[in-house]
Amino acid sequence: MKQFFFLLTIVLFITSCGGDDDGDLGRITFIGRDAGWVIASINSDLGEKSSAAVAATSDEDIAMTGQTRAEVEQQFIDLTLAETSVDNCDRDDVLFFLDNGQMRIIQGAEVCPEAGDPTVLMGFNDNFYSSDLGATMLVIRSDDGVELETYTVEELNASTFSLRTTRTFSNLLVGSFTYEVSYTLQAN
């Protein structure tokens, strides 16, 4: 009987030592989930930043392009939509983070209606990723090792993977400005 209570005490001690541990090996383990990730949304402040840049551009500078202010503003609206719009044909594309560090997109059955309309996740396809052990940063590199972009991991769990990065836009008319882009992926 003493042995039983001794073993029971050891079992209770061992199970209580883990504290809040629910068996999670760390959030980095969610990146390479077997079923992959699908895009849920893309958000950006590109529209606000580009509007401010166009507003700060003189009428003379805009006139030198042969366009109206409204046409220049529309170009930035189109650019913002191209970067942030998620079509239904994008929602069934699955992004996989492979064990060898490569990222691969498997396109779903729904084909985008416009020829040459790439998936919004194309920037990830056939590139490589690396992360710190805490999965707070994700670095994207080309196949020859050139760093393409660094993302801050906003959320990563079994159902959601959210990434944010800062990009720079530059042209001769409005100059340069930075803007943020956030991708929210859902478990497939």
N, C-alpha and C. Protein backbone atom coordinates (compact mmCIF):
# COMPACT_ATOMS: atom_id res chain seq x y z
N MET A 1 0.83 -1.18 0.00
CA MET A 1 0.00 0.00 0.00
C MET A 1 0.87 1.25 0.00
N LYS A 2 1.97 1.25 0.73
CA LYS A 2 2.87 2.40 0.74
C LYS A 2 3.46 2.62 -0.64
N GLN A 3 3.74 1.52 -1.36
CA GLN A 3 4.29 1.66 -2.71
C GLN A 3 3.27 2.31 -3.65
N PHE A 4 2.01 1.96 -3.48
CA PHE A 4 0.96 2.54 -4.31
C PHE A 4 0.90 4.06 -4.10
N PHE A 5 0.90 4.50 -2.84
CA PHE A 5 0.84 5.93 -2.55
C PHE A 5 2.11 6.65 -3.01
N PHE A 6 3.24 5.96 -2.91
CA PHE A 6 4.50 6.53 -3.38
C PHE A 6 4.44 6.74 -4.90
N LEU A 7 3.98 5.72 -5.65
CA LEU A 7 3.85 5.83 -7.10
C LEU A 7 2.82 6.89 -7.49
N LEU A 8 1.70 6.93 -6.75
CA LEU A 8 0.68 7.94 -7.02
C LEU A 8 1.24 9.35 -6.82
N THR A 9 2.02 9.53 -5.78
CA THR A 9 2.64 10.81 -5.50
C THR A 9 3.59 11.21 -6.62
N ILE A 10 4.38 10.27 -7.11
CA ILE A 10 5.31 10.54 -8.21
C ILE A 10 4.54 10.92 -9.48
N VAL A 11 3.49 10.18 -9.80
CA VAL A 11 2.69 10.47 -10.98
C VAL A 11 2.07 11.85 -10.89
N LEU A 12 1.50 12.19 -9.72
CA LEU A 12 0.90 13.52 -9.54
C LEU A 12 1.95 14.62 -9.64
N PHE A 13 3.14 14.37 -9.11
CA PHE A 13 4.21 15.36 -9.17
C PHE A 13 4.65 15.59 -10.62
N ILE A 14 4.83 14.51 -11.36
CA ILE A 14 5.28 14.63 -12.74
C ILE A 14 4.25 15.35 -13.59
N THR A 15 2.99 15.03 -13.42
CA THR A 15 1.96 15.68 -14.24
C THR A 15 1.75 17.13 -13.86
N SER A 16 2.07 17.51 -12.65
CA SER A 16 1.90 18.90 -12.25
C SER A 16 3.11 19.75 -12.58
N CYS A 17 4.25 19.15 -12.88
CA CYS A 17 5.47 19.91 -13.16
C CYS A 17 5.38 20.71 -14.45
N GLY A 18 4.55 20.30 -15.36
CA GLY A 18 4.47 20.97 -16.65
C GLY A 18 3.74 22.30 -16.60
N GLY A 19 3.12 22.65 -15.54
CA GLY A 19 2.39 23.91 -15.45
C GLY A 19 1.27 23.97 -16.47
N ASP A 20 1.29 25.01 -17.31
CA ASP A 20 0.25 25.20 -18.32
C ASP A 20 0.52 24.45 -19.60
N ASP A 21 1.58 23.67 -19.67
CA ASP A 21 1.97 22.99 -20.89
C ASP A 21 0.86 22.07 -21.36
N ASP A 22 0.37 22.34 -22.56
CA ASP A 22 -0.68 21.50 -23.12
C ASP A 22 -0.13 20.54 -24.17
N GLY A 23 1.16 20.27 -24.10
CA GLY A 23 1.78 19.39 -25.05
C GLY A 23 2.27 20.12 -26.29
N ASP A 24 2.12 21.42 -26.35
CA ASP A 24 2.57 22.22 -27.48
C ASP A 24 4.09 22.22 -27.54
N LEU A 25 4.61 21.89 -28.70
CA LEU A 25 6.06 21.85 -28.87
C LEU A 25 6.61 23.21 -29.26
N GLY A 26 5.78 24.20 -29.31
CA GLY A 26 6.19 25.53 -29.72
C GLY A 26 5.50 25.90 -31.01
N ARG A 27 5.29 27.19 -31.19
CA ARG A 27 4.50 27.61 -32.34
C ARG A 27 5.20 27.39 -33.66
N ILE A 28 6.51 27.22 -33.66
CA ILE A 28 7.22 26.97 -34.91
C ILE A 28 6.75 25.68 -35.58
N THR A 29 6.25 24.75 -34.80
CA THR A 29 5.80 23.47 -35.36
C THR A 29 4.57 23.61 -36.24
N PHE A 30 3.84 24.73 -36.11
CA PHE A 30 2.64 24.92 -36.92
C PHE A 30 2.95 25.35 -38.35
N ILE A 31 4.13 25.92 -38.59
CA ILE A 31 4.45 26.45 -39.92
C ILE A 31 4.32 25.36 -40.98
N GLY A 32 4.92 24.22 -40.74
CA GLY A 32 4.95 23.16 -41.74
C GLY A 32 3.80 22.18 -41.66
N ARG A 33 2.62 22.64 -41.30
CA ARG A 33 1.48 21.74 -41.15
C ARG A 33 1.26 20.93 -42.42
N ASP A 34 0.92 19.66 -42.28
CA ASP A 34 0.79 18.73 -43.41
C ASP A 34 -0.23 19.17 -44.45
N ALA A 35 -1.33 19.76 -44.02
CA ALA A 35 -2.40 20.14 -44.95
C ALA A 35 -2.18 21.52 -45.57
N GLY A 36 -1.16 22.24 -45.14
CA GLY A 36 -0.84 23.55 -45.69
C GLY A 36 -1.76 24.66 -45.21
N TRP A 37 -1.63 25.81 -45.86
CA TRP A 37 -2.34 27.03 -45.49
C TRP A 37 -3.02 27.63 -46.71
N VAL A 38 -4.17 28.25 -46.51
CA VAL A 38 -4.87 28.97 -47.57
C VAL A 38 -5.04 30.43 -47.15
N ILE A 39 -5.10 31.31 -48.14
CA ILE A 39 -5.20 32.74 -47.84
C ILE A 39 -6.61 33.09 -47.33
N ALA A 40 -6.65 33.86 -46.28
CA ALA A 40 -7.93 34.37 -45.76
C ALA A 40 -8.09 35.83 -46.14
N SER A 41 -7.02 36.62 -45.95
CA SER A 41 -7.12 38.05 -46.27
C SER A 41 -5.73 38.65 -46.42
N ILE A 42 -5.71 39.80 -47.10
CA ILE A 42 -4.50 40.61 -47.22
C ILE A 42 -4.92 42.03 -46.90
N ASN A 43 -4.20 42.66 -46.00
CA ASN A 43 -4.49 44.05 -45.63
C ASN A 43 -3.24 44.88 -45.82
N SER A 44 -3.44 46.15 -46.20
CA SER A 44 -2.31 47.03 -46.44
C SER A 44 -2.72 48.47 -46.23
N ASP A 45 -1.76 49.30 -45.84
CA ASP A 45 -2.00 50.73 -45.77
C ASP A 45 -1.45 51.43 -47.02
N LEU A 46 -1.22 50.66 -48.09
CA LEU A 46 -0.72 51.23 -49.34
C LEU A 46 -1.65 52.30 -49.88
N GLY A 47 -2.95 52.09 -49.81
CA GLY A 47 -3.90 53.08 -50.30
C GLY A 47 -3.77 54.42 -49.61
N GLU A 48 -3.68 54.39 -48.28
CA GLU A 48 -3.56 55.64 -47.51
C GLU A 48 -2.22 56.32 -47.79
N LYS A 49 -1.15 55.51 -47.80
CA LYS A 49 0.18 56.08 -48.02
C LYS A 49 0.32 56.65 -49.43
N SER A 50 -0.23 55.95 -50.43
CA SER A 50 -0.12 56.45 -51.80
C SER A 50 -0.99 57.70 -52.00
N SER A 51 -2.16 57.75 -51.36
CA SER A 51 -3.01 58.95 -51.45
C SER A 51 -2.29 60.16 -50.89
N ALA A 52 -1.61 59.97 -49.77
CA ALA A 52 -0.86 61.07 -49.17
C ALA A 52 0.29 61.50 -50.08
N ALA A 53 0.96 60.53 -50.72
CA ALA A 53 2.07 60.86 -51.61
C ALA A 53 1.58 61.62 -52.84
N VAL A 54 0.45 61.21 -53.40
CA VAL A 54 -0.10 61.91 -54.57
C VAL A 54 -0.56 63.31 -54.16
N ALA A 55 -1.19 63.42 -52.99
CA ALA A 55 -1.65 64.74 -52.53
C ALA A 55 -0.48 65.70 -52.33
N ALA A 56 0.67 65.17 -51.96
CA ALA A 56 1.85 66.01 -51.73
C ALA A 56 2.59 66.35 -53.02
N THR A 57 2.17 65.77 -54.13
CA THR A 57 2.82 66.02 -55.41
C THR A 57 2.19 67.24 -56.07
N SER A 58 3.03 68.11 -56.58
CA SER A 58 2.52 69.36 -57.17
C SER A 58 1.75 69.09 -58.46
N ASP A 59 0.83 70.02 -58.78
CA ASP A 59 0.08 69.93 -60.03
C ASP A 59 1.01 69.98 -61.24
N GLU A 60 2.07 70.75 -61.14
CA GLU A 60 3.03 70.88 -62.24
C GLU A 60 3.72 69.54 -62.50
N ASP A 61 4.11 68.86 -61.43
CA ASP A 61 4.79 67.56 -61.60
C ASP A 61 3.84 66.53 -62.22
N ILE A 62 2.59 66.55 -61.80
CA ILE A 62 1.61 65.61 -62.36
C ILE A 62 1.35 65.94 -63.83
N ALA A 63 1.24 67.22 -64.15
CA ALA A 63 0.99 67.64 -65.53
C ALA A 63 2.14 67.22 -66.45
N MET A 64 3.35 67.19 -65.93
CA MET A 64 4.51 66.78 -66.74
C MET A 64 4.41 65.31 -67.16
N THR A 65 3.60 64.51 -66.47
CA THR A 65 3.44 63.10 -66.85
C THR A 65 2.43 62.93 -67.97
N GLY A 66 1.69 63.99 -68.29
CA GLY A 66 0.65 63.90 -69.30
C GLY A 66 -0.63 63.28 -68.77
N GLN A 67 -0.74 63.15 -67.45
CA GLN A 67 -1.92 62.57 -66.82
C GLN A 67 -2.57 63.60 -65.90
N THR A 68 -3.81 63.33 -65.56
CA THR A 68 -4.49 64.16 -64.57
C THR A 68 -4.21 63.58 -63.18
N ARG A 69 -4.49 64.37 -62.17
CA ARG A 69 -4.35 63.89 -60.79
C ARG A 69 -5.25 62.68 -60.56
N ALA A 70 -6.45 62.71 -61.11
CA ALA A 70 -7.38 61.59 -60.95
C ALA A 70 -6.82 60.30 -61.58
N GLU A 71 -6.16 60.43 -62.72
CA GLU A 71 -5.57 59.25 -63.37
C GLU A 71 -4.42 58.67 -62.54
N VAL A 72 -3.62 59.54 -61.98
CA VAL A 72 -2.52 59.08 -61.13
C VAL A 72 -3.08 58.40 -59.88
N GLU A 73 -4.10 59.02 -59.27
CA GLU A 73 -4.73 58.41 -58.10
C GLU A 73 -5.32 57.05 -58.45
N GLN A 74 -5.93 56.93 -59.62
CA GLN A 74 -6.52 55.65 -60.04
C GLN A 74 -5.44 54.57 -60.21
N GLN A 75 -4.27 54.95 -60.69
CA GLN A 75 -3.18 53.98 -60.82
C GLN A 75 -2.82 53.39 -59.46
N PHE A 76 -2.80 54.23 -58.43
CA PHE A 76 -2.48 53.74 -57.10
C PHE A 76 -3.63 52.91 -56.51
N ILE A 77 -4.86 53.27 -56.83
CA ILE A 77 -6.00 52.45 -56.40
C ILE A 77 -5.90 51.07 -57.02
N ASP A 78 -5.58 51.03 -58.32
CA ASP A 78 -5.43 49.75 -59.02
C ASP A 78 -4.28 48.93 -58.43
N LEU A 79 -3.18 49.60 -58.12
CA LEU A 79 -2.03 48.92 -57.52
C LEU A 79 -2.40 48.32 -56.16
N THR A 80 -3.12 49.08 -55.36
CA THR A 80 -3.55 48.60 -54.05
C THR A 80 -4.48 47.40 -54.19
N LEU A 81 -5.42 47.48 -55.11
CA LEU A 81 -6.33 46.36 -55.33
C LEU A 81 -5.58 45.12 -55.82
N ALA A 82 -4.62 45.32 -56.69
CA ALA A 82 -3.84 44.18 -57.21
C ALA A 82 -3.06 43.50 -56.08
N GLU A 83 -2.62 44.28 -55.12
CA GLU A 83 -1.82 43.72 -54.04
C GLU A 83 -2.66 43.12 -52.92
N THR A 84 -3.89 43.58 -52.76
CA THR A 84 -4.67 43.15 -51.59
C THR A 84 -5.93 42.36 -51.90
N SER A 85 -6.35 42.30 -53.15
CA SER A 85 -7.58 41.59 -53.49
C SER A 85 -7.35 40.08 -53.48
N VAL A 86 -8.23 39.38 -52.82
CA VAL A 86 -8.18 37.92 -52.78
C VAL A 86 -9.41 37.41 -53.52
N ASP A 87 -9.17 36.86 -54.70
CA ASP A 87 -10.27 36.31 -55.51
C ASP A 87 -10.60 34.91 -55.01
N ASN A 88 -11.80 34.44 -55.36
CA ASN A 88 -12.18 33.07 -55.00
C ASN A 88 -11.21 32.06 -55.57
N CYS A 89 -10.65 32.36 -56.74
CA CYS A 89 -9.69 31.43 -57.34
C CYS A 89 -8.38 31.39 -56.55
N ASP A 90 -8.12 32.38 -55.70
CA ASP A 90 -6.94 32.37 -54.83
C ASP A 90 -7.20 31.57 -53.55
N ARG A 91 -8.44 31.53 -53.13
CA ARG A 91 -8.78 30.94 -51.83
C ARG A 91 -8.62 29.43 -51.77
N ASP A 92 -8.57 28.78 -52.94
CA ASP A 92 -8.39 27.32 -52.91
C ASP A 92 -6.95 26.90 -53.22
N ASP A 93 -6.05 27.88 -53.37
CA ASP A 93 -4.63 27.57 -53.55
C ASP A 93 -4.03 27.30 -52.18
N VAL A 94 -3.23 26.24 -52.08
CA VAL A 94 -2.68 25.83 -50.79
C VAL A 94 -1.18 26.09 -50.77
N LEU A 95 -0.72 26.79 -49.75
CA LEU A 95 0.70 27.09 -49.56
C LEU A 95 1.27 26.12 -48.55
N PHE A 96 2.34 25.43 -48.96
CA PHE A 96 3.01 24.48 -48.08
C PHE A 96 4.41 25.00 -47.74
N PHE A 97 4.77 24.86 -46.48
CA PHE A 97 6.13 25.14 -46.01
C PHE A 97 6.78 23.78 -45.79
N LEU A 98 7.67 23.40 -46.68
CA LEU A 98 8.24 22.05 -46.68
C LEU A 98 9.40 21.93 -45.69
N ASP A 99 9.71 20.69 -45.34
CA ASP A 99 10.79 20.42 -44.38
C ASP A 99 12.15 20.92 -44.85
N ASN A 100 12.37 20.97 -46.16
CA ASN A 100 13.66 21.42 -46.68
C ASN A 100 13.77 22.94 -46.74
N GLY A 101 12.74 23.65 -46.25
CA GLY A 101 12.74 25.11 -46.24
C GLY A 101 12.11 25.73 -47.45
N GLN A 102 11.68 24.93 -48.41
CA GLN A 102 11.05 25.46 -49.61
C GLN A 102 9.57 25.70 -49.36
N MET A 103 9.03 26.67 -50.09
CA MET A 103 7.59 26.94 -50.06
C MET A 103 7.03 26.55 -51.42
N ARG A 104 5.88 25.93 -51.40
CA ARG A 104 5.29 25.45 -52.65
C ARG A 104 3.79 25.71 -52.62
N ILE A 105 3.26 26.22 -53.73
CA ILE A 105 1.82 26.44 -53.86
C ILE A 105 1.26 25.35 -54.76
N ILE A 106 0.19 24.75 -54.30
CA ILE A 106 -0.58 23.83 -55.13
C ILE A 106 -1.87 24.57 -55.45
N GLN A 107 -2.05 24.88 -56.73
CA GLN A 107 -3.23 25.63 -57.12
C GLN A 107 -4.45 24.74 -57.10
N GLY A 108 -5.55 25.32 -56.62
CA GLY A 108 -6.81 24.59 -56.51
C GLY A 108 -7.51 24.45 -57.85
N ALA A 109 -8.68 23.87 -57.78
CA ALA A 109 -9.45 23.59 -59.00
C ALA A 109 -10.02 24.85 -59.65
N GLU A 110 -10.30 25.87 -58.84
CA GLU A 110 -10.89 27.08 -59.41
C GLU A 110 -9.79 27.93 -60.05
N VAL A 111 -9.91 28.12 -61.35
CA VAL A 111 -8.91 28.87 -62.12
C VAL A 111 -9.34 30.32 -62.20
N CYS A 112 -8.39 31.22 -62.04
CA CYS A 112 -8.70 32.64 -62.15
C CYS A 112 -9.13 32.95 -63.58
N PRO A 113 -10.17 33.78 -63.74
CA PRO A 113 -10.74 34.02 -65.07
C PRO A 113 -9.82 34.78 -66.02
N GLU A 114 -8.95 35.61 -65.47
CA GLU A 114 -8.07 36.40 -66.32
C GLU A 114 -6.78 35.64 -66.57
N ALA A 115 -6.45 35.48 -67.84
CA ALA A 115 -5.21 34.79 -68.19
C ALA A 115 -4.02 35.55 -67.59
N GLY A 116 -3.10 34.82 -67.03
CA GLY A 116 -1.92 35.43 -66.45
C GLY A 116 -2.14 36.03 -65.08
N ASP A 117 -3.31 35.83 -64.48
CA ASP A 117 -3.60 36.35 -63.14
C ASP A 117 -2.98 35.41 -62.12
N PRO A 118 -1.82 35.78 -61.57
CA PRO A 118 -1.17 34.87 -60.64
C PRO A 118 -1.87 34.86 -59.28
N THR A 119 -1.68 33.79 -58.53
CA THR A 119 -2.21 33.73 -57.18
C THR A 119 -1.57 34.82 -56.33
N VAL A 120 -2.29 35.33 -55.36
CA VAL A 120 -1.76 36.39 -54.50
C VAL A 120 -0.59 35.89 -53.64
N LEU A 121 -0.42 34.59 -53.57
CA LEU A 121 0.67 34.00 -52.80
C LEU A 121 1.90 33.68 -53.65
N MET A 122 1.88 34.08 -54.92
CA MET A 122 2.94 33.70 -55.85
C MET A 122 4.34 34.10 -55.35
N GLY A 123 4.44 35.19 -54.62
CA GLY A 123 5.74 35.62 -54.09
C GLY A 123 6.38 34.61 -53.16
N PHE A 124 5.58 33.70 -52.62
CA PHE A 124 6.11 32.67 -51.74
C PHE A 124 6.54 31.42 -52.52
N ASN A 125 5.90 31.17 -53.65
CA ASN A 125 6.08 29.92 -54.38
C ASN A 125 7.52 29.73 -54.86
N ASP A 126 8.04 28.54 -54.63
CA ASP A 126 9.39 28.13 -55.07
C ASP A 126 10.50 28.95 -54.46
N ASN A 127 10.22 29.69 -53.41
CA ASN A 127 11.26 30.36 -52.64
C ASN A 127 11.48 29.57 -51.36
N PHE A 128 12.39 30.04 -50.54
CA PHE A 128 12.75 29.32 -49.31
C PHE A 128 12.50 30.21 -48.11
N TYR A 129 12.22 29.58 -46.98
CA TYR A 129 11.94 30.32 -45.76
C TYR A 129 12.87 29.84 -44.64
N SER A 130 13.07 30.72 -43.69
CA SER A 130 13.72 30.35 -42.44
C SER A 130 13.06 31.16 -41.34
N SER A 131 13.17 30.66 -40.12
CA SER A 131 12.52 31.31 -38.99
C SER A 131 13.40 31.16 -37.76
N ASP A 132 13.21 32.06 -36.82
CA ASP A 132 13.84 31.86 -35.52
C ASP A 132 13.05 30.79 -34.77
N LEU A 133 13.61 30.26 -33.70
CA LEU A 133 12.96 29.16 -32.97
C LEU A 133 11.62 29.56 -32.36
N GLY A 134 11.47 30.81 -32.02
CA GLY A 134 10.20 31.27 -31.46
C GLY A 134 9.16 31.58 -32.52
N ALA A 135 9.55 31.46 -33.78
CA ALA A 135 8.67 31.75 -34.92
C ALA A 135 8.09 33.15 -34.82
N THR A 136 8.95 34.13 -34.51
CA THR A 136 8.51 35.52 -34.48
C THR A 136 8.85 36.24 -35.77
N MET A 137 9.80 35.70 -36.52
CA MET A 137 10.23 36.28 -37.80
C MET A 137 10.27 35.17 -38.85
N LEU A 138 9.96 35.53 -40.08
CA LEU A 138 10.04 34.60 -41.20
C LEU A 138 10.78 35.33 -42.32
N VAL A 139 11.90 34.76 -42.75
CA VAL A 139 12.70 35.36 -43.81
C VAL A 139 12.50 34.55 -45.08
N ILE A 140 12.19 35.24 -46.18
CA ILE A 140 11.98 34.60 -47.47
C ILE A 140 13.21 34.87 -48.32
N ARG A 141 13.76 33.79 -48.91
CA ARG A 141 14.94 33.89 -49.76
C ARG A 141 14.65 33.21 -51.10
N SER A 142 15.34 33.69 -52.13
CA SER A 142 15.24 33.06 -53.44
C SER A 142 16.03 31.75 -53.39
N ASP A 143 15.92 30.96 -54.46
CA ASP A 143 16.63 29.68 -54.48
C ASP A 143 18.13 29.84 -54.49
N ASP A 144 18.64 31.03 -54.84
CA ASP A 144 20.09 31.25 -54.77
C ASP A 144 20.51 31.99 -53.50
N GLY A 145 19.59 32.07 -52.52
CA GLY A 145 19.93 32.58 -51.19
C GLY A 145 19.77 34.07 -50.98
N VAL A 146 19.31 34.80 -51.98
CA VAL A 146 19.12 36.25 -51.84
C VAL A 146 17.88 36.52 -50.99
N GLU A 147 18.07 37.33 -49.95
CA GLU A 147 16.93 37.66 -49.08
C GLU A 147 15.95 38.55 -49.84
N LEU A 148 14.70 38.10 -49.91
CA LEU A 148 13.67 38.83 -50.63
C LEU A 148 12.81 39.69 -49.71
N GLU A 149 12.47 39.13 -48.55
CA GLU A 149 11.58 39.85 -47.64
C GLU A 149 11.64 39.23 -46.26
N THR A 150 11.45 40.06 -45.24
CA THR A 150 11.38 39.59 -43.86
C THR A 150 10.02 39.95 -43.31
N TYR A 151 9.38 38.97 -42.69
CA TYR A 151 8.05 39.15 -42.12
C TYR A 151 8.10 39.02 -40.61
N THR A 152 7.27 39.79 -39.94
CA THR A 152 7.02 39.60 -38.52
C THR A 152 5.82 38.66 -38.41
N VAL A 153 5.96 37.62 -37.62
CA VAL A 153 4.85 36.69 -37.43
C VAL A 153 3.97 37.26 -36.33
N GLU A 154 2.78 37.69 -36.70
CA GLU A 154 1.84 38.30 -35.77
C GLU A 154 1.08 37.26 -34.96
N GLU A 155 0.70 36.17 -35.61
CA GLU A 155 -0.05 35.10 -34.95
C GLU A 155 0.29 33.80 -35.64
N LEU A 156 0.49 32.76 -34.86
CA LEU A 156 0.74 31.44 -35.41
C LEU A 156 0.24 30.40 -34.43
N ASN A 157 -0.77 29.66 -34.86
CA ASN A 157 -1.31 28.57 -34.06
C ASN A 157 -1.85 27.51 -35.02
N ALA A 158 -2.57 26.56 -34.52
CA ALA A 158 -3.05 25.46 -35.36
C ALA A 158 -4.00 25.91 -36.46
N SER A 159 -4.63 27.07 -36.31
CA SER A 159 -5.62 27.48 -37.31
C SER A 159 -5.29 28.78 -38.04
N THR A 160 -4.38 29.60 -37.54
CA THR A 160 -4.11 30.91 -38.12
C THR A 160 -2.61 31.19 -38.20
N PHE A 161 -2.20 31.75 -39.33
CA PHE A 161 -0.81 32.16 -39.54
C PHE A 161 -0.87 33.56 -40.14
N SER A 162 -0.51 34.58 -39.35
CA SER A 162 -0.56 35.97 -39.81
C SER A 162 0.85 36.53 -39.88
N LEU A 163 1.17 37.14 -41.01
CA LEU A 163 2.49 37.70 -41.28
C LEU A 163 2.36 39.16 -41.68
N ARG A 164 3.33 39.98 -41.27
CA ARG A 164 3.32 41.41 -41.64
C ARG A 164 4.71 41.80 -42.09
N THR A 165 4.77 42.62 -43.14
CA THR A 165 6.05 43.12 -43.62
C THR A 165 5.92 44.58 -44.02
N THR A 166 7.04 45.26 -44.11
CA THR A 166 7.08 46.64 -44.57
C THR A 166 7.78 46.65 -45.92
N ARG A 167 7.15 47.31 -46.88
CA ARG A 167 7.70 47.42 -48.23
C ARG A 167 7.92 48.89 -48.57
N THR A 168 8.73 49.12 -49.57
CA THR A 168 8.98 50.47 -50.04
C THR A 168 8.50 50.60 -51.47
N PHE A 169 7.74 51.66 -51.73
CA PHE A 169 7.33 52.01 -53.09
C PHE A 169 8.14 53.22 -53.50
N SER A 170 8.58 53.23 -54.75
CA SER A 170 9.37 54.36 -55.23
C SER A 170 9.12 54.58 -56.71
N ASN A 171 8.87 55.82 -57.09
CA ASN A 171 8.88 56.20 -58.51
C ASN A 171 9.27 57.67 -58.62
N LEU A 172 9.49 58.12 -59.83
CA LEU A 172 9.98 59.49 -60.02
C LEU A 172 8.94 60.55 -59.69
N LEU A 173 7.67 60.22 -59.79
CA LEU A 173 6.63 61.21 -59.57
C LEU A 173 6.39 61.49 -58.09
N VAL A 174 6.13 60.45 -57.31
CA VAL A 174 5.77 60.66 -55.90
C VAL A 174 6.94 60.42 -54.94
N GLY A 175 8.05 59.98 -55.44
CA GLY A 175 9.19 59.70 -54.58
C GLY A 175 9.05 58.32 -53.93
N SER A 176 9.54 58.20 -52.72
CA SER A 176 9.52 56.92 -52.01
C SER A 176 8.70 57.03 -50.73
N PHE A 177 8.04 55.93 -50.39
CA PHE A 177 7.35 55.83 -49.11
C PHE A 177 7.26 54.36 -48.74
N THR A 178 7.13 54.10 -47.44
CA THR A 178 6.99 52.73 -46.97
C THR A 178 5.53 52.47 -46.63
N TYR A 179 5.16 51.20 -46.73
CA TYR A 179 3.81 50.79 -46.39
C TYR A 179 3.86 49.37 -45.85
N GLU A 180 2.82 48.97 -45.15
CA GLU A 180 2.77 47.63 -44.56
C GLU A 180 1.76 46.76 -45.29
N VAL A 181 2.08 45.46 -45.33
CA VAL A 181 1.21 44.46 -45.90
C VAL A 181 1.12 43.32 -44.91
N SER A 182 -0.11 42.86 -44.64
CA SER A 182 -0.32 41.73 -43.73
C SER A 182 -1.08 40.63 -44.47
N TYR A 183 -0.58 39.42 -44.33
CA TYR A 183 -1.24 38.24 -44.89
C TYR A 183 -1.81 37.43 -43.72
N THR A 184 -3.05 37.03 -43.83
CA THR A 184 -3.64 36.11 -42.86
C THR A 184 -3.98 34.83 -43.57
N LEU A 185 -3.36 33.75 -43.12
CA LEU A 185 -3.58 32.42 -43.69
C LEU A 185 -4.39 31.61 -42.70
N GLN A 186 -5.19 30.71 -43.25
CA GLN A 186 -5.97 29.78 -42.41
C GLN A 186 -5.51 28.36 -42.69
N ALA A 187 -5.65 27.53 -41.70
CA ALA A 187 -5.31 26.12 -41.88
C ALA A 187 -6.20 25.52 -42.95
N ASN A 188 -5.60 24.75 -43.83
CA ASN A 188 -6.37 24.10 -44.90
C ASN A 188 -7.07 22.87 -44.33
